[in-house]
């Protein structure tokens, strides 16, 4: 073992530094599910800025210092407070915000989101396709496309009003009827935030022929 270490100390040092870099500075995150459609697709790989919010001790959730404040509209990677699974969702509400949803319509601090630019599309589901509705959602100066499945009757379409606790955040998937988000896993404590997803690095059509989607390479995820 000593001979192996001596012979490969340069490579070992590189891997250790690379591990520290990935766990404390920057990372990438493959998109495995449809919960952020239509903005993130299965097969996208996003760049995650781990220094956007906090500097942490590598391989831990211990915060050394805060480096920035999460904002509404950020696409955030975090560890699920329910089971520790790494998730990626959109941050929709900050500590102290009063949030409710009525028939899929989001309301924050009494302000109703505005919805327009309705588009009906067919979305993959199992071995077939189902109709979905894509709508532009605008609230508090932020705009994004969200997606609904009109044929689904879900109790998650209505909740609240609820107040986001101190140092916690509400996360929702853009694919509102197909996302295990804060409606199911609860609010997300700041210490579980991993970083902010900044842009799509690369993308491939994993549901089809695996061809690269060059038009998505480098696509920004910021408003």
C-alpha atoms as a PDB file:
ATOM      1  CA  UNK A   1       0.000   0.000   0.000  1.00  0.00           C
ATOM      2  CA  UNK A   2       2.816   2.425   0.835  1.00  0.00           C
ATOM      3  CA  UNK A   3       4.439   1.727  -2.521  1.00  0.00           C
ATOM      4  CA  UNK A   4       1.131   2.310  -4.298  1.00  0.00           C
ATOM      5  CA  UNK A   5       0.621   5.633  -2.528  1.00  0.00           C
ATOM      6  CA  UNK A   6       4.187   6.704  -3.240  1.00  0.00           C
ATOM      7  CA  UNK A   7       3.859   5.791  -6.906  1.00  0.00           C
ATOM      8  CA  UNK A   8       0.498   7.517  -7.337  1.00  0.00           C
ATOM      9  CA  UNK A   9       0.690  10.419  -4.895  1.00  0.00           C
ATOM     10  CA  UNK A  10       0.163  12.989  -7.641  1.00  0.00           C
ATOM     11  CA  UNK A  11      -3.022  11.312  -8.857  1.00  0.00           C
ATOM     12  CA  UNK A  12      -4.263  10.788  -5.290  1.00  0.00           C
ATOM     13  CA  UNK A  13      -3.660  14.464  -4.463  1.00  0.00           C
ATOM     14  CA  UNK A  14      -5.531  15.482  -7.620  1.00  0.00           C
ATOM     15  CA  UNK A  15      -8.539  13.301  -6.741  1.00  0.00           C
ATOM     16  CA  UNK A  16      -8.639  14.681  -3.203  1.00  0.00           C
ATOM     17  CA  UNK A  17      -8.543  18.264  -4.462  1.00  0.00           C
ATOM     18  CA  UNK A  18     -11.157  17.430  -7.092  1.00  0.00           C
ATOM     19  CA  UNK A  19     -13.394  15.947  -4.400  1.00  0.00           C
ATOM     20  CA  UNK A  20     -13.050  19.045  -2.252  1.00  0.00           C
ATOM     21  CA  UNK A  21     -13.811  21.241  -5.278  1.00  0.00           C
ATOM     22  CA  UNK A  22     -16.973  19.307  -6.120  1.00  0.00           C
ATOM     23  CA  UNK A  23     -18.270  19.261  -2.549  1.00  0.00           C
ATOM     24  CA  UNK A  24     -17.451  22.859  -1.630  1.00  0.00           C
ATOM     25  CA  UNK A  25     -17.105  25.030  -4.739  1.00  0.00           C
ATOM     26  CA  UNK A  26     -18.852  23.795  -7.889  1.00  0.00           C
ATOM     27  CA  UNK A  27     -20.652  20.675  -9.030  1.00  0.00           C
ATOM     28  CA  UNK A  28     -22.861  19.309 -11.774  1.00  0.00           C
ATOM     29  CA  UNK A  29     -26.251  17.714 -11.420  1.00  0.00           C
ATOM     30  CA  UNK A  30     -27.941  15.391 -13.966  1.00  0.00           C
ATOM     31  CA  UNK A  31     -31.701  15.841 -14.304  1.00  0.00           C
ATOM     32  CA  UNK A  32     -33.226  12.365 -13.798  1.00  0.00           C
ATOM     33  CA  UNK A  33     -36.951  13.159 -13.800  1.00  0.00           C
ATOM     34  CA  UNK A  34     -39.612  15.391 -15.340  1.00  0.00           C
ATOM     35  CA  UNK A  35     -40.354  17.423 -12.181  1.00  0.00           C
ATOM     36  CA  UNK A  36     -38.839  20.631 -13.626  1.00  0.00           C
ATOM     37  CA  UNK A  37     -40.350  20.410 -17.101  1.00  0.00           C
ATOM     38  CA  UNK A  38     -40.640  22.378 -19.294  1.00  0.00           C
ATOM     39  CA  UNK A  39     -37.544  24.340 -18.174  1.00  0.00           C
ATOM     40  CA  UNK A  40     -35.300  21.387 -17.333  1.00  0.00           C
ATOM     41  CA  UNK A  41     -35.527  18.126 -19.253  1.00  0.00           C
ATOM     42  CA  UNK A  42     -34.442  14.584 -18.482  1.00  0.00           C
ATOM     43  CA  UNK A  43     -30.915  14.318 -19.821  1.00  0.00           C
ATOM     44  CA  UNK A  44     -29.891  17.887 -18.987  1.00  0.00           C
ATOM     45  CA  UNK A  45     -26.766  18.258 -16.855  1.00  0.00           C
ATOM     46  CA  UNK A  46     -26.696  21.549 -14.952  1.00  0.00           C
ATOM     47  CA  UNK A  47     -23.816  23.495 -13.441  1.00  0.00           C
ATOM     48  CA  UNK A  48     -24.311  24.064  -9.698  1.00  0.00           C
ATOM     49  CA  UNK A  49     -22.616  26.961  -7.908  1.00  0.00           C
ATOM     50  CA  UNK A  50     -22.029  25.611  -4.392  1.00  0.00           C
ATOM     51  CA  UNK A  51     -20.735  28.987  -3.198  1.00  0.00           C
ATOM     52  CA  UNK A  52     -23.926  30.838  -4.140  1.00  0.00           C
ATOM     53  CA  UNK A  53     -25.333  30.654  -0.607  1.00  0.00           C
ATOM     54  CA  UNK A  54     -22.811  29.178   1.831  1.00  0.00           C
ATOM     55  CA  UNK A  55     -19.244  28.021   2.233  1.00  0.00           C
ATOM     56  CA  UNK A  56     -19.425  24.595   3.866  1.00  0.00           C
ATOM     57  CA  UNK A  57     -16.936  22.187   5.309  1.00  0.00           C
ATOM     58  CA  UNK A  58     -16.415  19.664   2.458  1.00  0.00           C
ATOM     59  CA  UNK A  59     -18.580  16.515   2.667  1.00  0.00           C
ATOM     60  CA  UNK A  60     -20.739  18.028   5.453  1.00  0.00           C
ATOM     61  CA  UNK A  61     -23.696  20.385   5.937  1.00  0.00           C
ATOM     62  CA  UNK A  62     -21.644  22.500   8.364  1.00  0.00           C
ATOM     63  CA  UNK A  63     -21.760  26.138   7.243  1.00  0.00           C
ATOM     64  CA  UNK A  64     -18.508  28.091   7.654  1.00  0.00           C
ATOM     65  CA  UNK A  65     -19.925  31.403   6.436  1.00  0.00           C
ATOM     66  CA  UNK A  66     -22.802  32.704   4.344  1.00  0.00           C
ATOM     67  CA  UNK A  67     -21.818  33.908   0.902  1.00  0.00           C
ATOM     68  CA  UNK A  68     -25.194  35.022  -0.489  1.00  0.00           C
ATOM     69  CA  UNK A  69     -28.929  34.944   0.069  1.00  0.00           C
ATOM     70  CA  UNK A  70     -31.327  32.617  -1.799  1.00  0.00           C
ATOM     71  CA  UNK A  71     -33.862  34.512  -3.880  1.00  0.00           C
ATOM     72  CA  UNK A  72     -37.327  33.745  -5.177  1.00  0.00           C
ATOM     73  CA  UNK A  73     -37.053  32.187  -8.582  1.00  0.00           C
ATOM     74  CA  UNK A  74     -33.664  30.525  -7.994  1.00  0.00           C
ATOM     75  CA  UNK A  75     -33.330  26.953  -9.242  1.00  0.00           C
ATOM     76  CA  UNK A  76     -31.772  25.204  -6.253  1.00  0.00           C
ATOM     77  CA  UNK A  77     -30.262  21.816  -5.514  1.00  0.00           C
ATOM     78  CA  UNK A  78     -30.767  20.556  -1.968  1.00  0.00           C
ATOM     79  CA  UNK A  79     -30.979  17.459   0.196  1.00  0.00           C
ATOM     80  CA  UNK A  80     -34.547  16.370   0.872  1.00  0.00           C
ATOM     81  CA  UNK A  81     -35.504  16.931   4.528  1.00  0.00           C
ATOM     82  CA  UNK A  82     -37.545  13.739   4.251  1.00  0.00           C
ATOM     83  CA  UNK A  83     -34.929  11.186   3.166  1.00  0.00           C
ATOM     84  CA  UNK A  84     -31.745  13.033   2.145  1.00  0.00           C
ATOM     85  CA  UNK A  85     -32.222  12.487  -1.596  1.00  0.00           C
ATOM     86  CA  UNK A  86     -30.651  15.216  -3.733  1.00  0.00           C
ATOM     87  CA  UNK A  87     -33.403  17.211  -5.453  1.00  0.00           C
ATOM     88  CA  UNK A  88     -33.578  20.200  -7.757  1.00  0.00           C
ATOM     89  CA  UNK A  89     -36.569  22.550  -7.592  1.00  0.00           C
ATOM     90  CA  UNK A  90     -37.463  26.221  -7.857  1.00  0.00           C
ATOM     91  CA  UNK A  91     -37.387  28.352  -4.721  1.00  0.00           C
ATOM     92  CA  UNK A  92     -40.756  30.127  -4.583  1.00  0.00           C
ATOM     93  CA  UNK A  93     -40.970  31.453  -1.032  1.00  0.00           C
ATOM     94  CA  UNK A  94     -38.564  32.900   1.537  1.00  0.00           C
ATOM     95  CA  UNK A  95     -38.578  32.809   5.355  1.00  0.00           C
ATOM     96  CA  UNK A  96     -41.582  34.752   6.663  1.00  0.00           C
ATOM     97  CA  UNK A  97     -43.546  34.582   3.393  1.00  0.00           C
ATOM     98  CA  UNK A  98     -47.205  33.599   3.617  1.00  0.00           C
ATOM     99  CA  UNK A  99     -47.937  31.151   0.807  1.00  0.00           C
ATOM    100  CA  UNK A 100     -51.070  29.525  -0.519  1.00  0.00           C
ATOM    101  CA  UNK A 101     -52.237  27.811  -3.686  1.00  0.00           C
ATOM    102  CA  UNK A 102     -55.768  27.832  -5.034  1.00  0.00           C
ATOM    103  CA  UNK A 103     -56.564  25.605  -8.026  1.00  0.00           C
ATOM    104  CA  UNK A 104     -52.846  25.617  -8.956  1.00  0.00           C
ATOM    105  CA  UNK A 105     -52.663  29.425  -8.728  1.00  0.00           C
ATOM    106  CA  UNK A 106     -49.803  30.594  -6.482  1.00  0.00           C
ATOM    107  CA  UNK A 107     -50.353  33.404  -3.955  1.00  0.00           C
ATOM    108  CA  UNK A 108     -47.489  34.885  -1.907  1.00  0.00           C
ATOM    109  CA  UNK A 109     -48.077  37.534   0.767  1.00  0.00           C
ATOM    110  CA  UNK A 110     -51.520  38.170  -0.692  1.00  0.00           C
ATOM    111  CA  UNK A 111     -50.161  38.782  -4.192  1.00  0.00           C
ATOM    112  CA  UNK A 112     -51.626  36.534  -6.881  1.00  0.00           C
ATOM    113  CA  UNK A 113     -49.343  35.243  -9.598  1.00  0.00           C
ATOM    114  CA  UNK A 114     -50.338  36.264 -13.119  1.00  0.00           C
ATOM    115  CA  UNK A 115     -50.817  33.552 -15.716  1.00  0.00           C
ATOM    116  CA  UNK A 116     -50.898  33.872 -19.492  1.00  0.00           C
ATOM    117  CA  UNK A 117     -49.424  32.523 -22.744  1.00  0.00           C
ATOM    118  CA  UNK A 118     -51.252  29.197 -22.498  1.00  0.00           C
ATOM    119  CA  UNK A 119     -49.832  26.410 -24.688  1.00  0.00           C
ATOM    120  CA  UNK A 120     -51.181  22.859 -24.952  1.00  0.00           C
ATOM    121  CA  UNK A 121     -48.581  20.155 -25.605  1.00  0.00           C
ATOM    122  CA  UNK A 122     -48.276  16.393 -25.480  1.00  0.00           C
ATOM    123  CA  UNK A 123     -45.922  15.126 -22.774  1.00  0.00           C
ATOM    124  CA  UNK A 124     -44.294  11.670 -22.493  1.00  0.00           C
ATOM    125  CA  UNK A 125     -45.902   9.392 -19.905  1.00  0.00           C
ATOM    126  CA  UNK A 126     -44.936   5.745 -19.668  1.00  0.00           C
ATOM    127  CA  UNK A 127     -45.055   4.342 -23.212  1.00  0.00           C
ATOM    128  CA  UNK A 128     -47.381   7.039 -24.494  1.00  0.00           C
ATOM    129  CA  UNK A 129     -48.186  10.712 -24.233  1.00  0.00           C
ATOM    130  CA  UNK A 130     -50.697  12.784 -22.282  1.00  0.00           C
ATOM    131  CA  UNK A 131     -51.931  16.354 -22.808  1.00  0.00           C
ATOM    132  CA  UNK A 132     -50.321  19.050 -20.672  1.00  0.00           C
ATOM    133  CA  UNK A 133     -50.829  22.785 -20.299  1.00  0.00           C
ATOM    134  CA  UNK A 134     -47.846  25.144 -20.223  1.00  0.00           C
ATOM    135  CA  UNK A 135     -48.394  28.625 -18.816  1.00  0.00           C
ATOM    136  CA  UNK A 136     -46.223  31.654 -18.091  1.00  0.00           C
ATOM    137  CA  UNK A 137     -46.281  32.377 -14.341  1.00  0.00           C
ATOM    138  CA  UNK A 138     -45.245  35.888 -13.198  1.00  0.00           C
ATOM    139  CA  UNK A 139     -44.908  36.946  -9.580  1.00  0.00           C
ATOM    140  CA  UNK A 140     -42.796  39.531  -7.759  1.00  0.00           C
ATOM    141  CA  UNK A 141     -40.805  40.419 -10.865  1.00  0.00           C
ATOM    142  CA  UNK A 142     -39.982  36.815 -11.750  1.00  0.00           C
ATOM    143  CA  UNK A 143     -41.352  34.893 -14.733  1.00  0.00           C
ATOM    144  CA  UNK A 144     -41.070  31.214 -15.627  1.00  0.00           C
ATOM    145  CA  UNK A 145     -42.986  28.605 -17.551  1.00  0.00           C
ATOM    146  CA  UNK A 146     -44.880  26.071 -15.468  1.00  0.00           C
ATOM    147  CA  UNK A 147     -46.760  22.975 -16.516  1.00  0.00           C
ATOM    148  CA  UNK A 148     -50.013  21.351 -15.417  1.00  0.00           C
ATOM    149  CA  UNK A 149     -51.928  18.190 -16.286  1.00  0.00           C
ATOM    150  CA  UNK A 150     -55.628  19.217 -16.418  1.00  0.00           C
ATOM    151  CA  UNK A 151     -56.820  15.611 -16.197  1.00  0.00           C
ATOM    152  CA  UNK A 152     -55.144  15.048 -12.802  1.00  0.00           C
ATOM    153  CA  UNK A 153     -57.189  15.735  -9.676  1.00  0.00           C
ATOM    154  CA  UNK A 154     -54.619  16.285  -6.917  1.00  0.00           C
ATOM    155  CA  UNK A 155     -55.147  17.620  -3.374  1.00  0.00           C
ATOM    156  CA  UNK A 156     -51.745  19.346  -3.749  1.00  0.00           C
ATOM    157  CA  UNK A 157     -53.424  21.893  -6.035  1.00  0.00           C
ATOM    158  CA  UNK A 158     -54.736  23.647  -2.941  1.00  0.00           C
ATOM    159  CA  UNK A 159     -52.956  24.417   0.314  1.00  0.00           C
ATOM    160  CA  UNK A 160     -52.392  27.096   2.906  1.00  0.00           C
ATOM    161  CA  UNK A 161     -52.095  29.789   3.748  1.00  0.00           C
ATOM    162  CA  UNK A 162     -48.873  28.708   5.467  1.00  0.00           C
ATOM    163  CA  UNK A 163     -46.001  30.813   6.795  1.00  0.00           C
ATOM    164  CA  UNK A 164     -42.473  29.769   5.846  1.00  0.00           C
ATOM    165  CA  UNK A 165     -40.471  29.315   9.099  1.00  0.00           C
ATOM    166  CA  UNK A 166     -37.225  31.206   9.814  1.00  0.00           C
ATOM    167  CA  UNK A 167     -34.185  29.948   7.879  1.00  0.00           C
ATOM    168  CA  UNK A 168     -36.329  27.658   5.726  1.00  0.00           C
ATOM    169  CA  UNK A 169     -37.618  27.813   2.158  1.00  0.00           C
ATOM    170  CA  UNK A 170     -40.504  26.550   0.048  1.00  0.00           C
ATOM    171  CA  UNK A 171     -39.558  24.660  -3.124  1.00  0.00           C
ATOM    172  CA  UNK A 172     -41.885  23.756  -6.001  1.00  0.00           C
ATOM    173  CA  UNK A 173     -41.240  21.877  -9.209  1.00  0.00           C
ATOM    174  CA  UNK A 174     -42.144  23.723 -12.409  1.00  0.00           C
ATOM    175  CA  UNK A 175     -44.033  20.583 -13.464  1.00  0.00           C
ATOM    176  CA  UNK A 176     -46.603  21.219 -10.763  1.00  0.00           C
ATOM    177  CA  UNK A 177     -48.636  18.020 -11.045  1.00  0.00           C
ATOM    178  CA  UNK A 178     -45.587  15.755 -11.178  1.00  0.00           C
ATOM    179  CA  UNK A 179     -43.176  16.961  -8.504  1.00  0.00           C
ATOM    180  CA  UNK A 180     -42.337  15.716  -5.003  1.00  0.00           C
ATOM    181  CA  UNK A 181     -41.658  19.164  -3.577  1.00  0.00           C
ATOM    182  CA  UNK A 182     -42.423  21.148  -0.398  1.00  0.00           C
ATOM    183  CA  UNK A 183     -46.084  20.163  -0.645  1.00  0.00           C
ATOM    184  CA  UNK A 184     -44.949  16.618   0.207  1.00  0.00           C
ATOM    185  CA  UNK A 185     -41.515  16.854   1.856  1.00  0.00           C
ATOM    186  CA  UNK A 186     -42.012  20.072   3.832  1.00  0.00           C
ATOM    187  CA  UNK A 187     -39.980  23.256   3.984  1.00  0.00           C
ATOM    188  CA  UNK A 188     -36.241  23.011   3.305  1.00  0.00           C
ATOM    189  CA  UNK A 189     -33.816  24.270   6.017  1.00  0.00           C
ATOM    190  CA  UNK A 190     -30.996  26.442   4.769  1.00  0.00           C
ATOM    191  CA  UNK A 191     -28.348  23.977   5.938  1.00  0.00           C
ATOM    192  CA  UNK A 192     -29.711  21.461   3.394  1.00  0.00           C
ATOM    193  CA  UNK A 193     -29.250  23.811   0.422  1.00  0.00           C
ATOM    194  CA  UNK A 194     -26.438  22.582  -1.833  1.00  0.00           C
ATOM    195  CA  UNK A 195     -26.201  25.363  -4.389  1.00  0.00           C
ATOM    196  CA  UNK A 196     -27.840  27.347  -7.155  1.00  0.00           C
ATOM    197  CA  UNK A 197     -28.151  25.813 -10.618  1.00  0.00           C
ATOM    198  CA  UNK A 198     -26.783  28.426 -13.006  1.00  0.00           C
ATOM    199  CA  UNK A 199     -27.026  26.916 -16.488  1.00  0.00           C
ATOM    200  CA  UNK A 200     -27.312  23.742 -18.541  1.00  0.00           C
ATOM    201  CA  UNK A 201     -23.860  22.371 -19.323  1.00  0.00           C
ATOM    202  CA  UNK A 202     -24.830  19.637 -21.786  1.00  0.00           C
ATOM    203  CA  UNK A 203     -28.013  17.822 -22.751  1.00  0.00           C
ATOM    204  CA  UNK A 204     -29.018  14.595 -24.471  1.00  0.00           C
ATOM    205  CA  UNK A 205     -32.417  13.175 -25.390  1.00  0.00           C
ATOM    206  CA  UNK A 206     -32.491  10.285 -22.915  1.00  0.00           C
ATOM    207  CA  UNK A 207     -36.155   9.518 -23.709  1.00  0.00           C
ATOM    208  CA  UNK A 208     -35.435   9.135 -27.392  1.00  0.00           C
ATOM    209  CA  UNK A 209     -32.279   8.394 -29.333  1.00  0.00           C
ATOM    210  CA  UNK A 210     -29.732   9.952 -26.949  1.00  0.00           C
ATOM    211  CA  UNK A 211     -28.811  12.563 -29.560  1.00  0.00           C
ATOM    212  CA  UNK A 212     -27.219  15.715 -28.108  1.00  0.00           C
ATOM    213  CA  UNK A 213     -29.564  18.698 -27.772  1.00  0.00           C
ATOM    214  CA  UNK A 214     -27.027  21.326 -28.815  1.00  0.00           C
ATOM    215  CA  UNK A 215     -29.569  24.156 -28.542  1.00  0.00           C
ATOM    216  CA  UNK A 216     -29.606  23.610 -24.743  1.00  0.00           C
ATOM    217  CA  UNK A 217     -25.823  23.640 -24.236  1.00  0.00           C
ATOM    218  CA  UNK A 218     -24.897  26.621 -22.034  1.00  0.00           C
ATOM    219  CA  UNK A 219     -28.539  27.713 -21.554  1.00  0.00           C
ATOM    220  CA  UNK A 220     -28.917  30.071 -18.581  1.00  0.00           C
ATOM    221  CA  UNK A 221     -31.342  29.187 -15.779  1.00  0.00           C
ATOM    222  CA  UNK A 222     -31.438  32.683 -14.281  1.00  0.00           C
ATOM    223  CA  UNK A 223     -34.431  34.967 -14.768  1.00  0.00           C
END
